[in-house]
């Protein structure tokens, strides 16, 4: 079998592949056009962040069985196209966690003490002691946006430096944060109180330009900004204006919205700006770790059929996987739906298997559900292997039960999600042998295919409401492909799930939420 490596990885990983008898072609920096030309030859592809594995690449990959990312992020892989073609996509979650956290701390020190600027001045033959007066970190407030694994390590190290640490993470409970020695606050409070703000959240539709003009206006004068997470979370134009005005005393970015960065990027002209070329994972230790791990995972899969750390398929024997795949899909969709309509930080989940499904080994089904539950905010950092570990890290309790009784369906998966604002219940079943269906959301019964771009609406049940919703979506060029309605005649309320041909725009969501007969509107990605 042939393995193509199109980005630089450590030699130790390459040797593992060769020693296993695989033919390795090492072409770091491979141009996209050449990748399209040669990809049909290969059974496996190893990448880092540079190679773009688009739908076009996957369509041409006639023999490709597995894509391995030597690292965590999979923003550069079209997962949907890989799923459709049955290609396993693996990564190495956690392989560069410590490196990214330490790089964050390095940038905090660098902007606090103006180290890069002072070094550049010294190399120019100058001795400008008064120009580079810095600030101490002791007793300063560090605001962490995203208290996952990397954010937690940064918090731990910052507490050791006697900083006061606060955090915003809508998916972490106050009790879980308190165990880390961190005060959990709202985003607005974090922006107002922090002397330093560091970002450790995935890039999603909710976090895109999370730090924008409005956010900067809420911050202290003289705040410092650090981002080693993902480009696009900070509105870079707004950051430039905030730095020029003096609102932001200094900023350090390791990631940018467009990479490589344009040499004429406005931020690069500012003396109080520090930038590094996406170096968060670039340590000898981290690169060695992820190269060795991804190589071992590919060898296990290609030669033994063993799947580890796959983001799109659980670790099961092929004959079992074929039978259980529709149920796994259903469980993951239930988790995705529940997470996106829950109103607060998730604390506990009761998942009950009813009817014939209770006779199965439900462990992989629970893993699929938890993966779906955590995916909206952890993205590619959660998979079928580590889902329960990630839930435990966030103090989310998982309770699993079985019953042979299922009143209305042959098999039913029922998930009751407890969060800081109450409970959310989602239930689903399989129609026929393959089609997942959502059959209940809270007290509303319906029959919905959970797929693609969807819109969840909770509204008053009265004539004309659905018509107004359709008119607004039509005015914004949003086509409704399917509509599912669940009614509560006693309370005169509806739950509506709409399948759309594209994600709803911010303007459309705003207009819908302003209808007096609509109580809640949420976009969903399923």
Protein backbone atom coordinates (compact mmCIF):
# COMPACT_ATOMS: atom_id res chain seq x y z
CA UNK A 1 0.00 0.00 0.00
CA UNK A 2 1.12 3.54 -0.77
CA UNK A 3 1.12 6.45 1.68
CA UNK A 4 1.48 10.07 0.57
CA UNK A 5 2.79 12.61 3.10
CA UNK A 6 2.13 16.10 1.74
CA UNK A 7 3.16 18.21 4.76
CA UNK A 8 6.33 18.08 6.89
CA UNK A 9 6.34 15.50 9.70
CA UNK A 10 9.08 14.11 11.94
CA UNK A 11 11.31 11.36 10.58
CA UNK A 12 10.26 9.00 13.39
CA UNK A 13 6.77 8.77 11.92
CA UNK A 14 8.06 8.07 8.42
CA UNK A 15 10.26 5.24 9.72
CA UNK A 16 7.29 3.55 11.41
CA UNK A 17 5.41 3.50 8.10
CA UNK A 18 8.39 2.13 6.17
CA UNK A 19 9.21 -0.52 8.78
CA UNK A 20 5.62 -1.77 8.49
CA UNK A 21 6.20 -2.44 4.78
CA UNK A 22 4.24 0.52 3.43
CA UNK A 23 5.51 2.46 0.43
CA UNK A 24 5.98 6.07 1.50
CA UNK A 25 6.14 9.10 -0.80
CA UNK A 26 7.25 12.15 1.16
CA UNK A 27 6.40 15.42 -0.61
CA UNK A 28 6.07 18.25 1.91
CA UNK A 29 4.79 21.46 0.35
CA UNK A 30 3.08 19.55 -2.46
CA UNK A 31 1.27 22.01 -4.80
CA UNK A 32 -2.51 21.56 -4.99
CA UNK A 33 -2.53 20.81 -8.73
CA UNK A 34 0.07 18.09 -8.30
CA UNK A 35 -1.91 16.63 -5.39
CA UNK A 36 -4.94 16.35 -7.68
CA UNK A 37 -2.81 14.62 -10.29
CA UNK A 38 -1.15 11.99 -8.10
CA UNK A 39 -3.75 11.28 -5.36
CA UNK A 40 -5.42 8.40 -7.32
CA UNK A 41 -2.28 6.30 -6.70
CA UNK A 42 -2.47 6.35 -2.90
CA UNK A 43 -4.22 4.33 -0.21
CA UNK A 44 -3.47 6.79 2.58
CA UNK A 45 -2.72 10.49 2.97
CA UNK A 46 -0.97 12.16 5.90
CA UNK A 47 -1.31 15.93 6.26
CA UNK A 48 -0.87 18.77 8.72
CA UNK A 49 -2.48 22.19 8.29
CA UNK A 50 -1.16 23.25 4.87
CA UNK A 51 -2.65 20.63 2.53
CA UNK A 52 -6.24 21.35 1.51
CA UNK A 53 -8.16 18.09 1.15
CA UNK A 54 -11.12 19.42 -0.79
CA UNK A 55 -14.08 17.60 -2.27
CA UNK A 56 -12.26 17.71 -5.61
CA UNK A 57 -9.24 15.94 -4.11
CA UNK A 58 -11.42 13.29 -2.49
CA UNK A 59 -13.39 12.66 -5.68
CA UNK A 60 -10.13 11.98 -7.54
CA UNK A 61 -8.79 9.73 -4.76
CA UNK A 62 -9.92 6.42 -6.26
CA UNK A 63 -7.96 4.21 -3.86
CA UNK A 64 -7.85 6.41 -0.75
CA UNK A 65 -8.91 4.59 2.41
CA UNK A 66 -7.72 6.89 5.17
CA UNK A 67 -6.66 10.51 5.79
CA UNK A 68 -4.46 11.11 8.84
CA UNK A 69 -3.90 14.54 10.36
CA UNK A 70 -0.65 14.79 12.33
CA UNK A 71 -2.30 17.10 14.84
CA UNK A 72 -5.80 18.09 15.91
CA UNK A 73 -7.46 20.57 13.54
CA UNK A 74 -9.36 19.33 10.49
CA UNK A 75 -10.50 22.66 9.06
CA UNK A 76 -8.64 21.78 5.86
CA UNK A 77 -10.47 18.48 5.23
CA UNK A 78 -13.91 18.17 3.63
CA UNK A 79 -15.33 15.68 6.14
CA UNK A 80 -18.68 15.41 4.38
CA UNK A 81 -17.01 14.38 1.12
CA UNK A 82 -14.84 11.87 3.00
CA UNK A 83 -17.90 10.41 4.72
CA UNK A 84 -19.76 10.04 1.43
CA UNK A 85 -16.83 8.13 -0.05
CA UNK A 86 -16.27 5.97 3.03
CA UNK A 87 -12.81 7.36 3.77
CA UNK A 88 -11.74 7.17 7.42
CA UNK A 89 -10.42 10.48 8.79
CA UNK A 90 -8.11 10.29 11.81
CA UNK A 91 -6.33 12.87 13.92
CA UNK A 92 -4.20 13.01 17.09
CA UNK A 93 -6.26 14.93 19.64
CA UNK A 94 -4.18 16.24 22.50
CA UNK A 95 -0.84 15.67 20.81
CA UNK A 96 0.04 19.36 20.80
CA UNK A 97 -2.01 20.58 23.76
CA UNK A 98 0.92 21.44 26.00
CA UNK A 99 2.84 23.11 23.16
CA UNK A 100 -0.10 25.37 22.30
CA UNK A 101 -0.61 26.31 25.95
CA UNK A 102 3.07 27.11 26.42
CA UNK A 103 3.12 29.21 23.25
CA UNK A 104 0.21 31.21 24.65
CA UNK A 105 2.16 31.88 27.82
CA UNK A 106 5.21 32.84 25.79
CA UNK A 107 3.18 35.42 23.88
CA UNK A 108 1.69 36.78 27.13
CA UNK A 109 5.19 37.39 28.46
CA UNK A 110 6.34 38.79 25.12
CA UNK A 111 3.64 41.46 24.90
CA UNK A 112 3.77 42.29 28.61
CA UNK A 113 7.51 42.98 28.47
CA UNK A 114 7.78 44.05 24.79
CA UNK A 115 10.51 41.47 24.25
CA UNK A 116 10.45 41.18 20.41
CA UNK A 117 10.52 44.98 20.01
CA UNK A 118 13.40 45.30 22.48
CA UNK A 119 15.40 42.59 20.71
CA UNK A 120 14.87 44.26 17.32
CA UNK A 121 15.98 47.61 18.78
CA UNK A 122 19.08 46.10 20.34
CA UNK A 123 20.07 44.45 17.07
CA UNK A 124 19.84 47.85 15.41
CA UNK A 125 22.55 49.07 17.77
CA UNK A 126 20.18 50.98 20.10
CA UNK A 127 19.94 50.94 23.89
CA UNK A 128 16.38 52.14 24.61
CA UNK A 129 15.64 51.14 28.21
CA UNK A 130 12.94 53.76 28.78
CA UNK A 131 11.10 52.95 25.56
CA UNK A 132 10.32 49.35 26.48
CA UNK A 133 8.81 49.62 29.92
CA UNK A 134 6.52 46.63 30.47
CA UNK A 135 3.88 45.48 32.94
CA UNK A 136 3.96 42.76 35.59
CA UNK A 137 1.63 39.77 35.37
CA UNK A 138 1.33 39.42 39.13
CA UNK A 139 -2.22 40.19 40.32
CA UNK A 140 -3.43 40.96 36.77
CA UNK A 141 -6.75 39.50 35.59
CA UNK A 142 -6.41 36.92 32.83
CA UNK A 143 -9.62 36.28 30.92
CA UNK A 144 -9.73 32.90 29.15
CA UNK A 145 -12.32 32.39 26.41
CA UNK A 146 -12.75 28.61 26.18
CA UNK A 147 -11.87 26.48 29.20
CA UNK A 148 -11.09 23.23 27.40
CA UNK A 149 -7.83 21.31 27.63
CA UNK A 150 -5.55 24.10 26.37
CA UNK A 151 -7.42 26.83 28.21
CA UNK A 152 -7.25 24.78 31.42
CA UNK A 153 -3.48 24.37 31.16
CA UNK A 154 -3.07 28.11 30.55
CA UNK A 155 -5.25 28.76 33.61
CA UNK A 156 -3.18 26.41 35.77
CA UNK A 157 0.11 28.06 34.75
CA UNK A 158 -1.32 31.57 35.13
CA UNK A 159 -2.53 30.79 38.65
CA UNK A 160 1.02 29.70 39.41
CA UNK A 161 2.17 33.16 38.34
CA UNK A 162 -0.32 34.66 40.82
CA UNK A 163 -2.64 36.02 38.14
CA UNK A 164 -6.38 36.18 38.83
CA UNK A 165 -8.06 33.88 36.29
CA UNK A 166 -11.62 34.25 35.02
CA UNK A 167 -13.13 32.36 32.10
CA UNK A 168 -16.06 32.33 29.71
CA UNK A 169 -17.23 28.98 28.40
CA UNK A 170 -20.97 28.39 27.92
CA UNK A 171 -20.40 24.63 27.96
CA UNK A 172 -18.61 24.46 31.31
CA UNK A 173 -20.47 24.50 34.62
CA UNK A 174 -19.42 26.86 37.43
CA UNK A 175 -18.59 23.80 39.56
CA UNK A 176 -16.21 22.42 36.92
CA UNK A 177 -14.48 25.80 36.60
CA UNK A 178 -14.20 26.16 40.37
CA UNK A 179 -12.33 22.86 40.58
CA UNK A 180 -9.71 24.41 38.30
CA UNK A 181 -9.44 27.49 40.51
CA UNK A 182 -11.18 29.62 37.89
CA UNK A 183 -14.16 31.97 38.23
CA UNK A 184 -16.71 31.39 35.48
CA UNK A 185 -18.26 34.61 34.15
CA UNK A 186 -20.27 35.87 31.19
CA UNK A 187 -18.47 37.02 28.06
CA UNK A 188 -19.44 40.63 28.78
CA UNK A 189 -18.03 40.47 32.32
CA UNK A 190 -14.82 38.87 31.07
CA UNK A 191 -14.35 41.63 28.51
CA UNK A 192 -14.92 44.34 31.14
CA UNK A 193 -12.67 42.90 33.85
CA UNK A 194 -9.69 41.38 32.04
CA UNK A 195 -6.22 42.92 31.76
CA UNK A 196 -5.18 40.11 29.40
CA UNK A 197 -7.58 38.11 27.19
CA UNK A 198 -6.57 34.82 25.59
CA UNK A 199 -8.71 32.74 23.22
CA UNK A 200 -8.95 28.94 23.27
CA UNK A 201 -12.15 28.04 21.44
CA UNK A 202 -12.77 26.35 18.07
CA UNK A 203 -13.81 28.41 15.06
CA UNK A 204 -17.54 27.91 14.54
CA UNK A 205 -20.35 30.01 13.14
CA UNK A 206 -20.96 31.21 16.71
CA UNK A 207 -17.33 32.16 17.39
CA UNK A 208 -16.54 33.73 14.00
CA UNK A 209 -15.62 37.38 14.75
CA UNK A 210 -16.62 36.81 18.36
CA UNK A 211 -14.14 39.56 19.26
CA UNK A 212 -15.41 42.40 17.13
CA UNK A 213 -15.89 46.17 17.33
CA UNK A 214 -18.57 45.82 20.00
CA UNK A 215 -16.43 43.48 22.08
CA UNK A 216 -13.45 45.85 21.99
CA UNK A 217 -15.66 48.72 23.11
CA UNK A 218 -16.51 46.79 26.29
CA UNK A 219 -12.87 46.13 27.23
CA UNK A 220 -10.63 48.04 29.61
CA UNK A 221 -8.40 50.68 28.12
CA UNK A 222 -4.92 49.18 27.75
CA UNK A 223 -6.03 45.54 27.49
CA UNK A 224 -3.75 42.89 25.92
CA UNK A 225 -5.11 40.31 23.42
CA UNK A 226 -3.67 36.86 22.62
CA UNK A 227 -4.97 34.30 20.12
CA UNK A 228 -3.34 30.89 19.61
CA UNK A 229 -6.62 29.13 18.75
CA UNK A 230 -8.04 29.78 15.27
CA UNK A 231 -7.91 32.69 12.87
CA UNK A 232 -11.27 34.35 12.28
CA UNK A 233 -12.36 34.44 15.92
CA UNK A 234 -10.96 37.98 16.11
CA UNK A 235 -12.11 40.59 13.62
CA UNK A 236 -8.63 41.71 12.56
CA UNK A 237 -9.80 45.03 11.11
CA UNK A 238 -11.52 45.86 14.39
CA UNK A 239 -8.39 44.83 16.29
CA UNK A 240 -6.28 47.16 14.16
CA UNK A 241 -8.57 50.10 14.95
CA UNK A 242 -8.59 49.24 18.65
CA UNK A 243 -4.79 49.15 18.71
CA UNK A 244 -4.42 52.42 16.84
CA UNK A 245 -6.85 54.12 19.24
CA UNK A 246 -4.99 52.83 22.27
CA UNK A 247 -7.88 50.72 23.55
CA UNK A 248 -5.65 47.65 23.07
CA UNK A 249 -2.14 48.15 24.47
CA UNK A 250 -0.73 45.11 22.71
CA UNK A 251 -1.80 42.04 20.74
CA UNK A 252 -0.13 38.75 19.92
CA UNK A 253 -1.58 36.44 17.26
CA UNK A 254 -0.32 33.02 16.24
CA UNK A 255 -3.27 32.47 13.89
CA UNK A 256 -4.86 34.64 11.23
CA UNK A 257 -8.06 34.62 9.22
CA UNK A 258 -6.09 34.18 6.01
CA UNK A 259 -2.84 32.24 6.11
CA UNK A 260 -0.10 32.77 5.06
CA UNK A 261 -0.49 36.38 6.13
CA UNK A 262 -0.25 39.12 3.53
CA UNK A 263 3.03 41.00 4.17
CA UNK A 264 1.01 44.21 3.84
CA UNK A 265 -1.48 43.23 6.55
CA UNK A 266 -2.22 46.41 8.58
CA UNK A 267 -1.49 44.71 11.91
CA UNK A 268 2.11 44.04 10.86
CA UNK A 269 2.73 47.80 10.64
CA UNK A 270 2.00 48.34 14.34
CA UNK A 271 4.88 48.40 16.80
CA UNK A 272 2.75 47.01 19.62
CA UNK A 273 1.70 43.96 17.58
CA UNK A 274 3.44 40.57 17.77
CA UNK A 275 2.72 37.81 15.25
CA UNK A 276 4.00 34.28 14.80
CA UNK A 277 3.33 32.00 11.80
CA UNK A 278 1.00 29.41 13.41
CA UNK A 279 3.65 27.99 15.73
CA UNK A 280 1.40 26.78 18.54
CA UNK A 281 2.11 23.12 17.84
CA UNK A 282 5.64 23.65 16.55
CA UNK A 283 7.83 22.10 19.22
CA UNK A 284 10.18 19.19 18.71
CA UNK A 285 8.29 17.16 21.29
CA UNK A 286 4.83 17.83 19.88
CA UNK A 287 5.82 17.18 16.27
CA UNK A 288 7.51 13.93 17.21
CA UNK A 289 4.49 12.83 19.25
CA UNK A 290 1.88 13.49 16.56
CA UNK A 291 4.02 12.01 13.76
CA UNK A 292 4.61 8.78 15.66
CA UNK A 293 0.97 8.48 16.75
CA UNK A 294 -0.59 9.12 13.32
CA UNK A 295 1.86 6.69 11.72
CA UNK A 296 0.91 3.96 14.22
CA UNK A 297 -2.79 4.64 13.65
CA UNK A 298 -2.41 4.32 9.87
CA UNK A 299 -0.41 1.10 10.18
CA UNK A 300 -3.05 -0.39 12.47
CA UNK A 301 -5.85 0.50 10.10
CA UNK A 302 -4.22 -0.39 6.77
CA UNK A 303 -2.68 -3.68 7.93
CA UNK A 304 -4.97 -4.84 10.77
CA UNK A 305 -8.28 -3.06 10.17
CA UNK A 306 -8.09 -1.44 13.63
CA UNK A 307 -9.49 2.11 13.79
CA UNK A 308 -8.20 4.55 16.42
CA UNK A 309 -8.93 8.27 16.88
CA UNK A 310 -11.20 8.45 13.85
CA UNK A 311 -13.49 11.47 13.82
CA UNK A 312 -16.02 9.90 11.47
CA UNK A 313 -16.21 6.22 12.41
CA UNK A 314 -16.02 4.31 15.74
CA UNK A 315 -13.52 1.58 16.53
CA UNK A 316 -15.55 -1.53 15.69
CA UNK A 317 -15.01 -4.68 13.59
CA UNK A 318 -16.23 -4.11 10.01
CA UNK A 319 -19.02 -6.72 10.22
CA UNK A 320 -20.46 -5.10 13.39
CA UNK A 321 -19.97 -1.57 12.04
CA UNK A 322 -22.03 -2.34 8.94
CA UNK A 323 -25.01 -3.41 11.03
CA UNK A 324 -24.84 -0.69 13.66
CA UNK A 325 -23.91 2.34 11.51
CA UNK A 326 -27.49 3.69 11.09
CA UNK A 327 -27.99 3.56 14.87
CA UNK A 328 -24.67 5.32 15.46
CA UNK A 329 -25.72 8.01 13.02
CA UNK A 330 -29.03 8.44 14.84
CA UNK A 331 -27.35 8.68 18.25
CA UNK A 332 -24.87 11.26 17.03
CA UNK A 333 -27.66 13.35 15.45
CA UNK A 334 -29.64 13.24 18.71
CA UNK A 335 -26.56 14.51 20.56
CA UNK A 336 -25.93 17.25 18.00
CA UNK A 337 -29.55 18.41 18.16
CA UNK A 338 -29.72 18.36 21.96
CA UNK A 339 -26.50 20.35 22.32
CA UNK A 340 -27.60 23.04 19.90
CA UNK A 341 -31.02 23.65 21.45
CA UNK A 342 -29.90 23.39 25.10
CA UNK A 343 -29.96 26.79 26.78
CA UNK A 344 -27.00 26.49 29.17
CA UNK A 345 -23.89 24.54 30.18
CA UNK A 346 -24.57 20.80 30.03
CA UNK A 347 -24.30 19.08 33.43
CA UNK A 348 -25.81 15.61 33.05
CA UNK A 349 -27.25 13.29 30.43
CA UNK A 350 -29.65 10.38 30.90
CA UNK A 351 -29.66 8.24 27.78
CA UNK A 352 -32.18 5.39 27.70
CA UNK A 353 -32.32 2.58 25.14
CA UNK A 354 -35.85 1.22 24.70
CA UNK A 355 -37.15 -1.84 22.85
CA UNK A 356 -35.03 -4.06 20.59
CA UNK A 357 -32.04 -1.72 20.74
CA UNK A 358 -31.69 -2.54 24.44
CA UNK A 359 -30.48 -6.02 23.45
CA UNK A 360 -27.37 -4.61 21.77
CA UNK A 361 -24.01 -3.63 23.22
CA UNK A 362 -24.87 0.06 23.53
CA UNK A 363 -21.42 1.35 24.55
CA UNK A 364 -20.46 2.48 21.01
CA UNK A 365 -23.94 4.03 20.61
CA UNK A 366 -23.44 6.07 23.77
CA UNK A 367 -20.03 7.15 22.47
CA UNK A 368 -21.66 8.31 19.23
CA UNK A 369 -24.26 10.30 21.20
CA UNK A 370 -21.64 11.96 23.42
CA UNK A 371 -19.50 12.77 20.38
CA UNK A 372 -22.50 14.51 18.82
CA UNK A 373 -23.29 16.29 22.09
CA UNK A 374 -19.77 17.74 22.36
CA UNK A 375 -19.04 18.35 18.66
CA UNK A 376 -20.71 21.78 18.35
CA UNK A 377 -18.16 23.32 20.71
CA UNK A 378 -15.17 20.94 20.63
CA UNK A 379 -15.30 20.29 16.86
CA UNK A 380 -12.56 17.88 15.71
CA UNK A 381 -11.10 17.64 19.23
CA UNK A 382 -13.72 15.02 20.11
CA UNK A 383 -14.08 11.62 18.48
CA UNK A 384 -15.50 8.15 19.09
CA UNK A 385 -12.51 7.19 21.23
CA UNK A 386 -12.20 10.17 23.55
CA UNK A 387 -15.83 11.35 23.82
CA UNK A 388 -16.39 10.06 27.37
CA UNK A 389 -13.01 11.46 28.46
CA UNK A 390 -13.92 14.90 27.09
CA UNK A 391 -17.28 14.74 28.89
CA UNK A 392 -15.56 13.85 32.16
CA UNK A 393 -13.13 16.74 31.73
CA UNK A 394 -16.14 19.06 31.66
CA UNK A 395 -17.85 17.35 34.61
CA UNK A 396 -20.70 16.10 32.41
CA UNK A 397 -22.26 13.03 34.02
CA UNK A 398 -23.43 10.30 31.60
CA UNK A 399 -26.16 7.94 32.87
CA UNK A 400 -27.01 4.96 30.66
CA UNK A 401 -30.02 2.66 31.05
CA UNK A 402 -31.99 0.03 29.12
CA UNK A 403 -35.58 -1.14 29.02
CA UNK A 404 -37.24 -3.69 26.75
CA UNK A 405 -40.45 -1.61 26.80
CA UNK A 406 -40.96 0.87 23.98
CA UNK A 407 -44.59 1.86 23.58
CA UNK A 408 -44.68 3.42 20.12
CA UNK A 409 -41.56 2.17 18.32
CA UNK A 410 -39.65 -1.05 17.91
CA UNK A 411 -36.54 0.73 19.15
CA UNK A 412 -36.09 4.18 20.66
CA UNK A 413 -33.16 6.26 21.93
CA UNK A 414 -34.23 8.82 24.52
CA UNK A 415 -31.82 11.50 25.77
CA UNK A 416 -32.62 13.81 28.66
CA UNK A 417 -30.00 16.56 28.88
CA UNK A 418 -29.77 18.54 32.11
CA UNK A 419 -28.21 21.99 31.74
CA UNK A 420 -27.94 25.15 33.81
CA UNK A 421 -31.26 26.45 32.43
CA UNK A 422 -33.30 23.26 32.84
CA UNK A 423 -33.81 20.11 30.74
CA UNK A 424 -33.92 19.25 27.04
CA UNK A 425 -35.35 15.92 25.85
CA UNK A 426 -34.71 14.53 22.36
CA UNK A 427 -35.81 11.09 21.15
CA UNK A 428 -35.15 9.26 17.92
CA UNK A 429 -35.64 5.98 16.10
CA UNK A 430 -34.73 4.22 12.85
CA UNK A 431 -37.36 4.00 10.10
CA UNK A 432 -36.95 0.94 7.93
CA UNK A 433 -33.38 -0.22 8.39
CA UNK A 434 -31.35 2.90 7.67
CA UNK A 435 -33.24 6.19 8.07
CA UNK A 436 -32.72 8.10 11.36
CA UNK A 437 -35.70 10.10 12.60
CA UNK A 438 -36.21 12.57 15.43
CA UNK A 439 -39.61 11.74 16.91
CA UNK A 440 -39.74 13.97 19.99
CA UNK A 441 -38.31 17.29 21.17
CA UNK A 442 -39.31 18.03 24.77
CA UNK A 443 -43.09 17.58 24.85
CA UNK A 444 -43.56 17.80 21.08
CA UNK A 445 -43.96 14.76 18.84
CA UNK A 446 -42.86 14.98 15.22
CA UNK A 447 -41.19 12.99 12.45
CA UNK A 448 -38.03 14.77 11.29
CA UNK A 449 -35.08 13.70 9.18
CA UNK A 450 -32.05 15.22 10.99
CA UNK A 451 -29.84 16.32 8.13
CA UNK A 452 -27.96 19.37 6.89
CA UNK A 453 -28.83 23.00 7.57
CA UNK A 454 -31.89 23.24 9.79
CA UNK A 455 -33.83 25.84 11.72
CA UNK A 456 -35.45 25.15 15.11
CA UNK A 457 -38.40 27.40 15.94
CA UNK A 458 -40.59 27.44 19.05
CA UNK A 459 -43.68 29.51 18.38
CA UNK A 460 -47.30 30.27 19.20
CA UNK A 461 -49.71 27.95 17.37
CA UNK A 462 -52.07 30.27 15.55
CA UNK A 463 -53.09 30.85 11.91
CA UNK A 464 -50.62 32.74 9.75
CA UNK A 465 -47.46 32.13 11.81
CA UNK A 466 -45.97 29.50 9.48
CA UNK A 467 -46.81 31.71 6.50
CA UNK A 468 -44.91 34.65 8.02
CA UNK A 469 -41.92 32.44 8.73
CA UNK A 470 -41.90 31.20 5.13
CA UNK A 471 -42.22 34.73 3.77
CA UNK A 472 -39.23 35.97 5.79
CA UNK A 473 -37.06 33.05 4.69
CA UNK A 474 -38.13 33.55 1.08
CA UNK A 475 -37.25 37.25 1.26
CA UNK A 476 -33.74 36.20 2.29
CA UNK A 477 -33.47 33.66 -0.58
CA UNK A 478 -33.62 30.71 1.82
CA UNK A 479 -35.41 27.71 0.35
CA UNK A 480 -37.31 25.32 2.64
CA UNK A 481 -36.78 21.75 1.44
CA UNK A 482 -38.66 20.05 4.31
CA UNK A 483 -40.84 21.17 7.22
CA UNK A 484 -41.68 19.21 10.35
CA UNK A 485 -44.18 20.43 12.95
CA UNK A 486 -44.86 19.21 16.47
CA UNK A 487 -47.94 20.64 18.24
CA UNK A 488 -49.12 21.04 21.81
CA UNK A 489 -52.84 21.85 21.39
CA UNK A 490 -53.33 22.42 25.12
CA UNK A 491 -50.66 25.12 25.34
CA UNK A 492 -51.22 26.31 21.76
CA UNK A 493 -47.53 26.13 20.91
CA UNK A 494 -45.50 24.53 18.13
CA UNK A 495 -42.01 23.25 17.54
CA UNK A 496 -41.00 23.59 13.89
CA UNK A 497 -37.93 22.04 12.26
CA UNK A 498 -37.12 23.42 8.82
CA UNK A 499 -34.56 21.93 6.43
CA UNK A 500 -32.90 24.70 4.40
CA UNK A 501 -30.70 24.63 1.31
CA UNK A 502 -28.12 26.87 3.02
CA UNK A 503 -27.41 28.24 6.51
CA UNK A 504 -29.80 31.04 7.57
CA UNK A 505 -28.33 34.53 7.51
CA UNK A 506 -27.95 36.67 10.63
CA UNK A 507 -30.49 39.10 9.18
CA UNK A 508 -33.06 36.36 8.61
CA UNK A 509 -32.62 35.03 12.16
CA UNK A 510 -33.05 38.53 13.58
CA UNK A 511 -36.20 39.15 11.58
CA UNK A 512 -37.70 35.82 12.65
CA UNK A 513 -36.90 36.44 16.32
CA UNK A 514 -38.68 39.80 16.15
CA UNK A 515 -42.03 38.13 15.33
CA UNK A 516 -44.24 38.41 18.40
CA UNK A 517 -45.55 34.89 17.82
CA UNK A 518 -42.04 33.36 17.77
CA UNK A 519 -40.48 32.59 21.17
CA UNK A 520 -37.18 31.03 20.09
CA UNK A 521 -35.17 30.62 16.88
CA UNK A 522 -31.98 28.57 16.61
CA UNK A 523 -29.95 27.54 13.54
CA UNK A 524 -28.83 23.90 13.57
CA UNK A 525 -26.11 22.02 11.71
CA UNK A 526 -26.87 18.30 11.49
